[in-house]
Amino acid sequence: MHSKRNRLITFVLVVSSWQLIDYLFDIRKIILPTPIEIFSILVNNFSYLLYHTMITMVESFSGFILGSALGLLSAIIFTYSKTLKSSLYPYAVAFKAVPVIAIAPLLIMWFGSGMTSKIIMAAIICYFPPLVGGVKGFSAVTRDHLDLFKSMSATGWDVFWKLRLPASLSHIFPSLKISATFAVLGATLAEFTGASMGIGYIIVNSSYYLETTMMFAAIVMISIVGLMFFYVVDYVEKKVVFW
C-alpha cells in the first residue's frame, strides 16, 4: 500500500515539476511539450495510437515467447552437454555484444518490412537473458541433491522436472522480466528502420514533421506496454514461485 502511494506521489511530483518548468521558462512545444499537451494528444488521437500500439504489442509478445523459449531450450542443452556449452556459449555472449540496431537493416532485407522482421528482432534481444538465467538456474543443484535422486532410482526426466526446474525458477523469472521489457525495445527499434505501422513508425514519422508532442504520446503508450509486460511476468512469478 505504501509503495503504491509513494509511486503515485513520485508521478505527481515529476509531472507537476515538468509542467512548472515548461511554464516558467516558456519552453517551445517543439522542444519539450507540457504534460497537459501530451495528454491532450493522447486523448484526441487515442484510437490511432492504440491501433499502432497493438501492432507493436503483438510483435513484442511474439518475440518474447520465441526468444525466451529458444533461450531456455539452449540453456537446457548447455546444462546437459558441456561440449556444446564450451563450443557455443562464447558465441552467444559475443552475439549479445553486437548492437541490435545494426541487425535491424539486415532483418528488413532478409524478411521484409512486415511483422516477421520485427518479431525476429524482438526474439533476438530476448534470447540472452533467459539463456544466462537458465544456465545458472539449471546448474544450481548440488551434488548431494543429485546423489539423493540417483539413490531413489530417479530417471533423467524426474531429475529435470522435480529438481533442476524448480531450483532454476528463482533465476529464470528475473531474466524473463528483463526480456519482457527488452521485447518492446526490440520491436520498436526494428520499426525505426522500416515499417508502415507500429509505435516505432509513429515516432519516426513524427520526427520527420517535428511533431514532438505526438512523439512523446507514442513514448508514453509504449512505456505502458513495457510496464504491463513486466508486471504480468512478475504476477506469474508470484503464483509459480510461491515458496
C-alpha atoms as a PDB file:
ATOM      1  CA  MET A   1       0.000   0.000   0.000  1.00  0.00           C
ATOM      2  CA  HIS A   2       2.809   2.381   0.947  1.00  0.00           C
ATOM      3  CA  SER A   3       4.752   1.570  -2.234  1.00  0.00           C
ATOM      4  CA  LYS A   4       1.718   2.361  -4.402  1.00  0.00           C
ATOM      5  CA  ARG A   5       1.242   5.658  -2.603  1.00  0.00           C
ATOM      6  CA  ASN A   6       4.927   6.502  -2.993  1.00  0.00           C
ATOM      7  CA  ARG A   7       4.788   5.739  -6.720  1.00  0.00           C
ATOM      8  CA  LEU A   8       1.736   7.968  -7.108  1.00  0.00           C
ATOM      9  CA  ILE A   9       3.387  10.804  -5.186  1.00  0.00           C
ATOM     10  CA  THR A  10       6.539  10.486  -7.301  1.00  0.00           C
ATOM     11  CA  PHE A  11       4.481  10.557 -10.510  1.00  0.00           C
ATOM     12  CA  VAL A  12       2.574  13.673  -9.405  1.00  0.00           C
ATOM     13  CA  LEU A  13       5.790  15.453  -8.392  1.00  0.00           C
ATOM     14  CA  VAL A  14       7.545  14.663 -11.665  1.00  0.00           C
ATOM     15  CA  VAL A  15       4.600  15.725 -13.841  1.00  0.00           C
ATOM     16  CA  SER A  16       3.979  18.875 -11.778  1.00  0.00           C
ATOM     17  CA  SER A  17       7.663  19.855 -11.916  1.00  0.00           C
ATOM     18  CA  TRP A  18       7.721  19.241 -15.660  1.00  0.00           C
ATOM     19  CA  GLN A  19       4.640  21.414 -16.167  1.00  0.00           C
ATOM     20  CA  LEU A  20       6.057  24.160 -13.944  1.00  0.00           C
ATOM     21  CA  ILE A  21       9.455  24.204 -15.682  1.00  0.00           C
ATOM     22  CA  ASP A  22       7.777  24.439 -19.085  1.00  0.00           C
ATOM     23  CA  TYR A  23       5.660  27.343 -17.847  1.00  0.00           C
ATOM     24  CA  LEU A  24       8.446  29.279 -16.091  1.00  0.00           C
ATOM     25  CA  PHE A  25      10.990  29.017 -18.896  1.00  0.00           C
ATOM     26  CA  ASP A  26       8.431  29.202 -21.709  1.00  0.00           C
ATOM     27  CA  ILE A  27       9.957  26.221 -23.498  1.00  0.00           C
ATOM     28  CA  ARG A  28       8.748  25.836 -27.063  1.00  0.00           C
ATOM     29  CA  LYS A  29       6.432  22.898 -27.697  1.00  0.00           C
ATOM     30  CA  ILE A  30       8.696  21.604 -30.463  1.00  0.00           C
ATOM     31  CA  ILE A  31      11.474  21.195 -27.858  1.00  0.00           C
ATOM     32  CA  LEU A  32       9.567  19.957 -24.806  1.00  0.00           C
ATOM     33  CA  PRO A  33       5.752  19.877 -24.756  1.00  0.00           C
ATOM     34  CA  THR A  34       3.961  20.084 -21.429  1.00  0.00           C
ATOM     35  CA  PRO A  35       2.287  17.039 -19.847  1.00  0.00           C
ATOM     36  CA  ILE A  36      -1.085  18.662 -20.491  1.00  0.00           C
ATOM     37  CA  GLU A  37      -0.326  18.983 -24.205  1.00  0.00           C
ATOM     38  CA  ILE A  38       0.840  15.351 -24.350  1.00  0.00           C
ATOM     39  CA  PHE A  39      -2.291  14.209 -22.521  1.00  0.00           C
ATOM     40  CA  SER A  40      -4.428  16.177 -24.979  1.00  0.00           C
ATOM     41  CA  ILE A  41      -2.763  14.421 -27.928  1.00  0.00           C
ATOM     42  CA  LEU A  42      -3.278  11.065 -26.213  1.00  0.00           C
ATOM     43  CA  VAL A  43      -6.997  11.709 -25.756  1.00  0.00           C
ATOM     44  CA  ASN A  44      -7.639  13.184 -29.194  1.00  0.00           C
ATOM     45  CA  ASN A  45      -5.661  10.512 -31.062  1.00  0.00           C
ATOM     46  CA  PHE A  46      -6.260   7.565 -28.766  1.00  0.00           C
ATOM     47  CA  SER A  47      -7.729   5.235 -31.405  1.00  0.00           C
ATOM     48  CA  TYR A  48      -4.842   5.936 -33.778  1.00  0.00           C
ATOM     49  CA  LEU A  49      -2.232   5.423 -31.059  1.00  0.00           C
ATOM     50  CA  LEU A  50      -3.966   2.325 -29.714  1.00  0.00           C
ATOM     51  CA  TYR A  51      -4.023   0.668 -33.139  1.00  0.00           C
ATOM     52  CA  HIS A  52      -0.290   1.118 -33.640  1.00  0.00           C
ATOM     53  CA  THR A  53       0.412   0.168 -30.024  1.00  0.00           C
ATOM     54  CA  MET A  54      -1.438  -3.124 -30.515  1.00  0.00           C
ATOM     55  CA  ILE A  55       0.736  -3.860 -33.562  1.00  0.00           C
ATOM     56  CA  THR A  56       3.895  -3.364 -31.508  1.00  0.00           C
ATOM     57  CA  MET A  57       2.398  -5.397 -28.651  1.00  0.00           C
ATOM     58  CA  VAL A  58       1.788  -8.388 -30.928  1.00  0.00           C
ATOM     59  CA  GLU A  59       5.326  -8.161 -32.295  1.00  0.00           C
ATOM     60  CA  SER A  60       6.789  -7.792 -28.794  1.00  0.00           C
ATOM     61  CA  PHE A  61       4.783 -10.641 -27.269  1.00  0.00           C
ATOM     62  CA  SER A  62       5.542 -13.000 -30.148  1.00  0.00           C
ATOM     63  CA  GLY A  63       9.231 -12.133 -29.991  1.00  0.00           C
ATOM     64  CA  PHE A  64       9.258 -12.552 -26.217  1.00  0.00           C
ATOM     65  CA  ILE A  65       7.745 -16.040 -26.403  1.00  0.00           C
ATOM     66  CA  LEU A  66      10.023 -17.128 -29.258  1.00  0.00           C
ATOM     67  CA  GLY A  67      13.238 -15.653 -27.868  1.00  0.00           C
ATOM     68  CA  SER A  68      12.635 -16.799 -24.292  1.00  0.00           C
ATOM     69  CA  ALA A  69      11.722 -20.326 -25.399  1.00  0.00           C
ATOM     70  CA  LEU A  70      14.870 -20.606 -27.526  1.00  0.00           C
ATOM     71  CA  GLY A  71      16.980 -19.166 -24.715  1.00  0.00           C
ATOM     72  CA  LEU A  72      15.661 -21.664 -22.159  1.00  0.00           C
ATOM     73  CA  LEU A  73      15.973 -24.541 -24.630  1.00  0.00           C
ATOM     74  CA  SER A  74      19.597 -23.584 -25.264  1.00  0.00           C
ATOM     75  CA  ALA A  75      20.179 -23.390 -21.509  1.00  0.00           C
ATOM     76  CA  ILE A  76      18.854 -26.941 -21.094  1.00  0.00           C
ATOM     77  CA  ILE A  77      21.103 -28.196 -23.903  1.00  0.00           C
ATOM     78  CA  PHE A  78      24.151 -26.456 -22.419  1.00  0.00           C
ATOM     79  CA  THR A  79      23.346 -27.895 -18.980  1.00  0.00           C
ATOM     80  CA  TYR A  80      23.386 -31.467 -20.248  1.00  0.00           C
ATOM     81  CA  SER A  81      26.179 -31.058 -22.809  1.00  0.00           C
ATOM     82  CA  LYS A  82      29.392 -29.482 -21.558  1.00  0.00           C
ATOM     83  CA  THR A  83      30.886 -29.853 -25.035  1.00  0.00           C
ATOM     84  CA  LEU A  84      28.181 -27.763 -26.678  1.00  0.00           C
ATOM     85  CA  LYS A  85      28.330 -25.230 -23.857  1.00  0.00           C
ATOM     86  CA  SER A  86      32.068 -24.709 -24.206  1.00  0.00           C
ATOM     87  CA  SER A  87      31.736 -24.571 -28.004  1.00  0.00           C
ATOM     88  CA  LEU A  88      28.676 -22.343 -28.454  1.00  0.00           C
ATOM     89  CA  TYR A  89      28.172 -20.330 -25.251  1.00  0.00           C
ATOM     90  CA  PRO A  90      31.025 -17.880 -26.021  1.00  0.00           C
ATOM     91  CA  TYR A  91      29.462 -17.159 -29.416  1.00  0.00           C
ATOM     92  CA  ALA A  92      26.119 -16.404 -27.756  1.00  0.00           C
ATOM     93  CA  VAL A  93      27.880 -13.921 -25.478  1.00  0.00           C
ATOM     94  CA  ALA A  94      29.724 -12.364 -28.438  1.00  0.00           C
ATOM     95  CA  PHE A  95      26.473 -12.068 -30.412  1.00  0.00           C
ATOM     96  CA  LYS A  96      24.903 -10.205 -27.484  1.00  0.00           C
ATOM     97  CA  ALA A  97      27.640  -7.591 -27.778  1.00  0.00           C
ATOM     98  CA  VAL A  98      26.510  -6.699 -31.320  1.00  0.00           C
ATOM     99  CA  PRO A  99      24.338  -3.519 -31.257  1.00  0.00           C
ATOM    100  CA  VAL A 100      20.792  -4.603 -32.071  1.00  0.00           C
ATOM    101  CA  ILE A 101      20.195  -1.507 -34.174  1.00  0.00           C
ATOM    102  CA  ALA A 102      22.915  -2.782 -36.533  1.00  0.00           C
ATOM    103  CA  ILE A 103      20.972  -6.016 -37.092  1.00  0.00           C
ATOM    104  CA  ALA A 104      17.665  -4.358 -37.939  1.00  0.00           C
ATOM    105  CA  PRO A 105      18.518  -3.348 -41.556  1.00  0.00           C
ATOM    106  CA  LEU A 106      19.678  -6.893 -42.281  1.00  0.00           C
ATOM    107  CA  LEU A 107      16.415  -8.345 -40.965  1.00  0.00           C
ATOM    108  CA  ILE A 108      14.461  -5.931 -43.156  1.00  0.00           C
ATOM    109  CA  MET A 109      16.471  -7.092 -46.187  1.00  0.00           C
ATOM    110  CA  TRP A 110      16.016 -10.784 -45.371  1.00  0.00           C
ATOM    111  CA  PHE A 111      12.423 -10.886 -44.082  1.00  0.00           C
ATOM    112  CA  GLY A 112      10.813  -7.736 -45.466  1.00  0.00           C
ATOM    113  CA  SER A 113       9.296  -4.763 -43.679  1.00  0.00           C
ATOM    114  CA  GLY A 114       6.323  -6.668 -42.264  1.00  0.00           C
ATOM    115  CA  MET A 115       5.796  -8.062 -38.777  1.00  0.00           C
ATOM    116  CA  THR A 116       8.111 -11.046 -39.269  1.00  0.00           C
ATOM    117  CA  SER A 117      11.318  -8.995 -39.124  1.00  0.00           C
ATOM    118  CA  LYS A 118      10.046  -7.146 -36.014  1.00  0.00           C
ATOM    119  CA  ILE A 119       9.221 -10.411 -34.233  1.00  0.00           C
ATOM    120  CA  ILE A 120      12.644 -11.832 -35.056  1.00  0.00           C
ATOM    121  CA  MET A 121      14.348  -8.677 -33.761  1.00  0.00           C
ATOM    122  CA  ALA A 122      12.372  -8.887 -30.507  1.00  0.00           C
ATOM    123  CA  ALA A 123      13.246 -12.593 -30.242  1.00  0.00           C
ATOM    124  CA  ILE A 124      16.960 -11.887 -30.734  1.00  0.00           C
ATOM    125  CA  ILE A 125      17.056  -9.283 -28.000  1.00  0.00           C
ATOM    126  CA  CYS A 126      15.008 -11.559 -25.679  1.00  0.00           C
ATOM    127  CA  TYR A 127      17.224 -14.601 -26.196  1.00  0.00           C
ATOM    128  CA  PHE A 128      20.208 -13.828 -23.993  1.00  0.00           C
ATOM    129  CA  PRO A 129      18.711 -13.123 -20.512  1.00  0.00           C
ATOM    130  CA  PRO A 130      16.789 -16.455 -20.275  1.00  0.00           C
ATOM    131  CA  LEU A 131      19.851 -18.244 -21.628  1.00  0.00           C
ATOM    132  CA  VAL A 132      22.066 -16.892 -18.851  1.00  0.00           C
ATOM    133  CA  GLY A 133      19.386 -17.289 -16.172  1.00  0.00           C
ATOM    134  CA  GLY A 134      18.588 -20.801 -17.331  1.00  0.00           C
ATOM    135  CA  VAL A 135      22.213 -21.962 -17.416  1.00  0.00           C
ATOM    136  CA  LYS A 136      22.787 -20.618 -13.919  1.00  0.00           C
ATOM    137  CA  GLY A 137      19.482 -21.970 -12.598  1.00  0.00           C
ATOM    138  CA  PHE A 138      19.655 -25.467 -14.071  1.00  0.00           C
ATOM    139  CA  SER A 139      23.203 -25.810 -12.730  1.00  0.00           C
ATOM    140  CA  ALA A 140      22.273 -24.573  -9.258  1.00  0.00           C
ATOM    141  CA  VAL A 141      21.508 -28.054  -7.880  1.00  0.00           C
ATOM    142  CA  THR A 142      24.130 -29.571  -5.575  1.00  0.00           C
ATOM    143  CA  ARG A 143      25.855 -32.927  -5.912  1.00  0.00           C
ATOM    144  CA  ASP A 144      24.081 -34.095  -2.748  1.00  0.00           C
ATOM    145  CA  HIS A 145      20.694 -33.472  -4.332  1.00  0.00           C
ATOM    146  CA  LEU A 146      21.686 -35.335  -7.484  1.00  0.00           C
ATOM    147  CA  ASP A 147      23.019 -38.264  -5.443  1.00  0.00           C
ATOM    148  CA  LEU A 148      19.781 -38.394  -3.468  1.00  0.00           C
ATOM    149  CA  PHE A 149      17.685 -38.601  -6.636  1.00  0.00           C
ATOM    150  CA  LYS A 150      20.041 -41.214  -8.055  1.00  0.00           C
ATOM    151  CA  SER A 151      19.706 -43.324  -4.903  1.00  0.00           C
ATOM    152  CA  MET A 152      15.929 -43.237  -5.413  1.00  0.00           C
ATOM    153  CA  SER A 153      16.318 -44.562  -8.984  1.00  0.00           C
ATOM    154  CA  ALA A 154      15.031 -41.305 -10.462  1.00  0.00           C
ATOM    155  CA  THR A 155      15.140 -41.009 -14.240  1.00  0.00           C
ATOM    156  CA  GLY A 156      16.759 -38.091 -16.042  1.00  0.00           C
ATOM    157  CA  TRP A 157      13.272 -36.756 -16.706  1.00  0.00           C
ATOM    158  CA  ASP A 158      12.471 -36.887 -12.970  1.00  0.00           C
ATOM    159  CA  VAL A 159      15.697 -35.081 -12.118  1.00  0.00           C
ATOM    160  CA  PHE A 160      14.873 -32.306 -14.566  1.00  0.00           C
ATOM    161  CA  TRP A 161      11.194 -31.776 -13.679  1.00  0.00           C
ATOM    162  CA  LYS A 162      11.409 -32.351  -9.941  1.00  0.00           C
ATOM    163  CA  LEU A 163      14.870 -30.975  -9.139  1.00  0.00           C
ATOM    164  CA  ARG A 164      16.536 -28.817 -11.782  1.00  0.00           C
ATOM    165  CA  LEU A 165      13.436 -26.950 -12.976  1.00  0.00           C
ATOM    166  CA  PRO A 166      12.104 -25.950  -9.509  1.00  0.00           C
ATOM    167  CA  ALA A 167      15.619 -24.947  -8.432  1.00  0.00           C
ATOM    168  CA  SER A 168      16.046 -22.783 -11.538  1.00  0.00           C
ATOM    169  CA  LEU A 169      12.831 -20.760 -11.302  1.00  0.00           C
ATOM    170  CA  SER A 170      14.307 -18.142  -8.970  1.00  0.00           C
ATOM    171  CA  HIS A 171      16.927 -17.466 -11.657  1.00  0.00           C
ATOM    172  CA  ILE A 172      14.695 -17.800 -14.717  1.00  0.00           C
ATOM    173  CA  PHE A 173      11.889 -15.409 -13.761  1.00  0.00           C
ATOM    174  CA  PRO A 174      14.131 -12.367 -13.149  1.00  0.00           C
ATOM    175  CA  SER A 175      15.641 -12.946 -16.585  1.00  0.00           C
ATOM    176  CA  LEU A 176      12.160 -13.220 -18.109  1.00  0.00           C
ATOM    177  CA  LYS A 177      11.208  -9.872 -16.569  1.00  0.00           C
ATOM    178  CA  ILE A 178      14.231  -8.323 -18.255  1.00  0.00           C
ATOM    179  CA  SER A 179      13.296  -9.966 -21.557  1.00  0.00           C
ATOM    180  CA  ALA A 180       9.703  -8.745 -21.271  1.00  0.00           C
ATOM    181  CA  THR A 181      10.856  -5.126 -21.443  1.00  0.00           C
ATOM    182  CA  PHE A 182      13.588  -5.917 -23.975  1.00  0.00           C
ATOM    183  CA  ALA A 183      10.935  -7.365 -26.293  1.00  0.00           C
ATOM    184  CA  VAL A 184       9.213  -3.993 -26.567  1.00  0.00           C
ATOM    185  CA  LEU A 185      12.571  -2.322 -27.174  1.00  0.00           C
ATOM    186  CA  GLY A 186      13.490  -4.804 -29.906  1.00  0.00           C
ATOM    187  CA  ALA A 187      10.197  -4.494 -31.772  1.00  0.00           C
ATOM    188  CA  THR A 188      10.261  -0.693 -31.590  1.00  0.00           C
ATOM    189  CA  LEU A 189      13.862  -0.483 -32.803  1.00  0.00           C
ATOM    190  CA  ALA A 190      13.020  -2.739 -35.728  1.00  0.00           C
ATOM    191  CA  GLU A 191      10.131  -0.417 -36.626  1.00  0.00           C
ATOM    192  CA  PHE A 192      12.575   2.510 -36.762  1.00  0.00           C
ATOM    193  CA  THR A 193      14.387   1.035 -39.745  1.00  0.00           C
ATOM    194  CA  GLY A 194      11.433   0.169 -41.937  1.00  0.00           C
ATOM    195  CA  ALA A 195       7.749  -0.058 -41.050  1.00  0.00           C
ATOM    196  CA  SER A 196       4.372   1.319 -42.039  1.00  0.00           C
ATOM    197  CA  MET A 197       2.725   0.593 -38.690  1.00  0.00           C
ATOM    198  CA  GLY A 198       3.609   0.346 -35.031  1.00  0.00           C
ATOM    199  CA  ILE A 199       4.788   2.766 -32.361  1.00  0.00           C
ATOM    200  CA  GLY A 200       8.282   2.955 -33.855  1.00  0.00           C
ATOM    201  CA  TYR A 201       6.712   4.060 -37.129  1.00  0.00           C
ATOM    202  CA  ILE A 202       4.794   6.840 -35.342  1.00  0.00           C
ATOM    203  CA  ILE A 203       7.941   8.067 -33.579  1.00  0.00           C
ATOM    204  CA  VAL A 204       9.998   8.171 -36.789  1.00  0.00           C
ATOM    205  CA  ASN A 205       7.171   9.707 -38.821  1.00  0.00           C
ATOM    206  CA  SER A 206       6.556  12.354 -36.159  1.00  0.00           C
ATOM    207  CA  SER A 207      10.252  13.246 -36.064  1.00  0.00           C
ATOM    208  CA  TYR A 208      10.172  13.990 -39.809  1.00  0.00           C
ATOM    209  CA  TYR A 209       7.388  16.537 -39.300  1.00  0.00           C
ATOM    210  CA  LEU A 210       8.726  17.835 -35.956  1.00  0.00           C
ATOM    211  CA  GLU A 211       5.571  16.677 -34.157  1.00  0.00           C
ATOM    212  CA  THR A 212       7.278  16.375 -30.782  1.00  0.00           C
ATOM    213  CA  THR A 213       4.052  16.107 -28.818  1.00  0.00           C
ATOM    214  CA  MET A 214       2.953  13.076 -30.845  1.00  0.00           C
ATOM    215  CA  MET A 215       6.385  11.525 -30.302  1.00  0.00           C
ATOM    216  CA  PHE A 216       6.001  11.893 -26.541  1.00  0.00           C
ATOM    217  CA  ALA A 217       2.477  10.452 -26.703  1.00  0.00           C
ATOM    218  CA  ALA A 218       3.811   7.407 -28.564  1.00  0.00           C
ATOM    219  CA  ILE A 219       6.593   7.015 -25.991  1.00  0.00           C
ATOM    220  CA  VAL A 220       4.015   7.104 -23.201  1.00  0.00           C
ATOM    221  CA  MET A 221       1.970   4.375 -24.898  1.00  0.00           C
ATOM    222  CA  ILE A 222       4.923   2.053 -25.436  1.00  0.00           C
ATOM    223  CA  SER A 223       6.176   2.678 -21.891  1.00  0.00           C
ATOM    224  CA  ILE A 224       2.807   1.495 -20.591  1.00  0.00           C
ATOM    225  CA  VAL A 225       3.152  -1.661 -22.699  1.00  0.00           C
ATOM    226  CA  GLY A 226       6.610  -2.322 -21.264  1.00  0.00           C
ATOM    227  CA  LEU A 227       5.334  -1.886 -17.712  1.00  0.00           C
ATOM    228  CA  MET A 228       2.383  -4.142 -18.413  1.00  0.00           C
ATOM    229  CA  PHE A 229       4.607  -6.925 -19.782  1.00  0.00           C
ATOM    230  CA  PHE A 230       6.924  -6.640 -16.768  1.00  0.00           C
ATOM    231  CA  TYR A 231       4.142  -6.847 -14.194  1.00  0.00           C
ATOM    232  CA  VAL A 232       2.426  -9.752 -15.981  1.00  0.00           C
ATOM    233  CA  VAL A 233       5.636 -11.786 -15.679  1.00  0.00           C
ATOM    234  CA  ASP A 234       6.032 -10.580 -12.085  1.00  0.00           C
ATOM    235  CA  TYR A 235       2.482 -11.746 -11.303  1.00  0.00           C
ATOM    236  CA  VAL A 236       3.120 -15.171 -12.864  1.00  0.00           C
ATOM    237  CA  GLU A 237       6.351 -15.453 -10.851  1.00  0.00           C
ATOM    238  CA  LYS A 238       4.498 -14.840  -7.576  1.00  0.00           C
ATOM    239  CA  LYS A 239       1.977 -17.555  -8.456  1.00  0.00           C
ATOM    240  CA  VAL A 240       4.513 -20.124  -9.666  1.00  0.00           C
ATOM    241  CA  VAL A 241       7.409 -19.498  -7.250  1.00  0.00           C
ATOM    242  CA  PHE A 242       5.063 -19.307  -4.270  1.00  0.00           C
ATOM    243  CA  TRP A 243       7.603 -20.715  -1.845  1.00  0.00           C
END
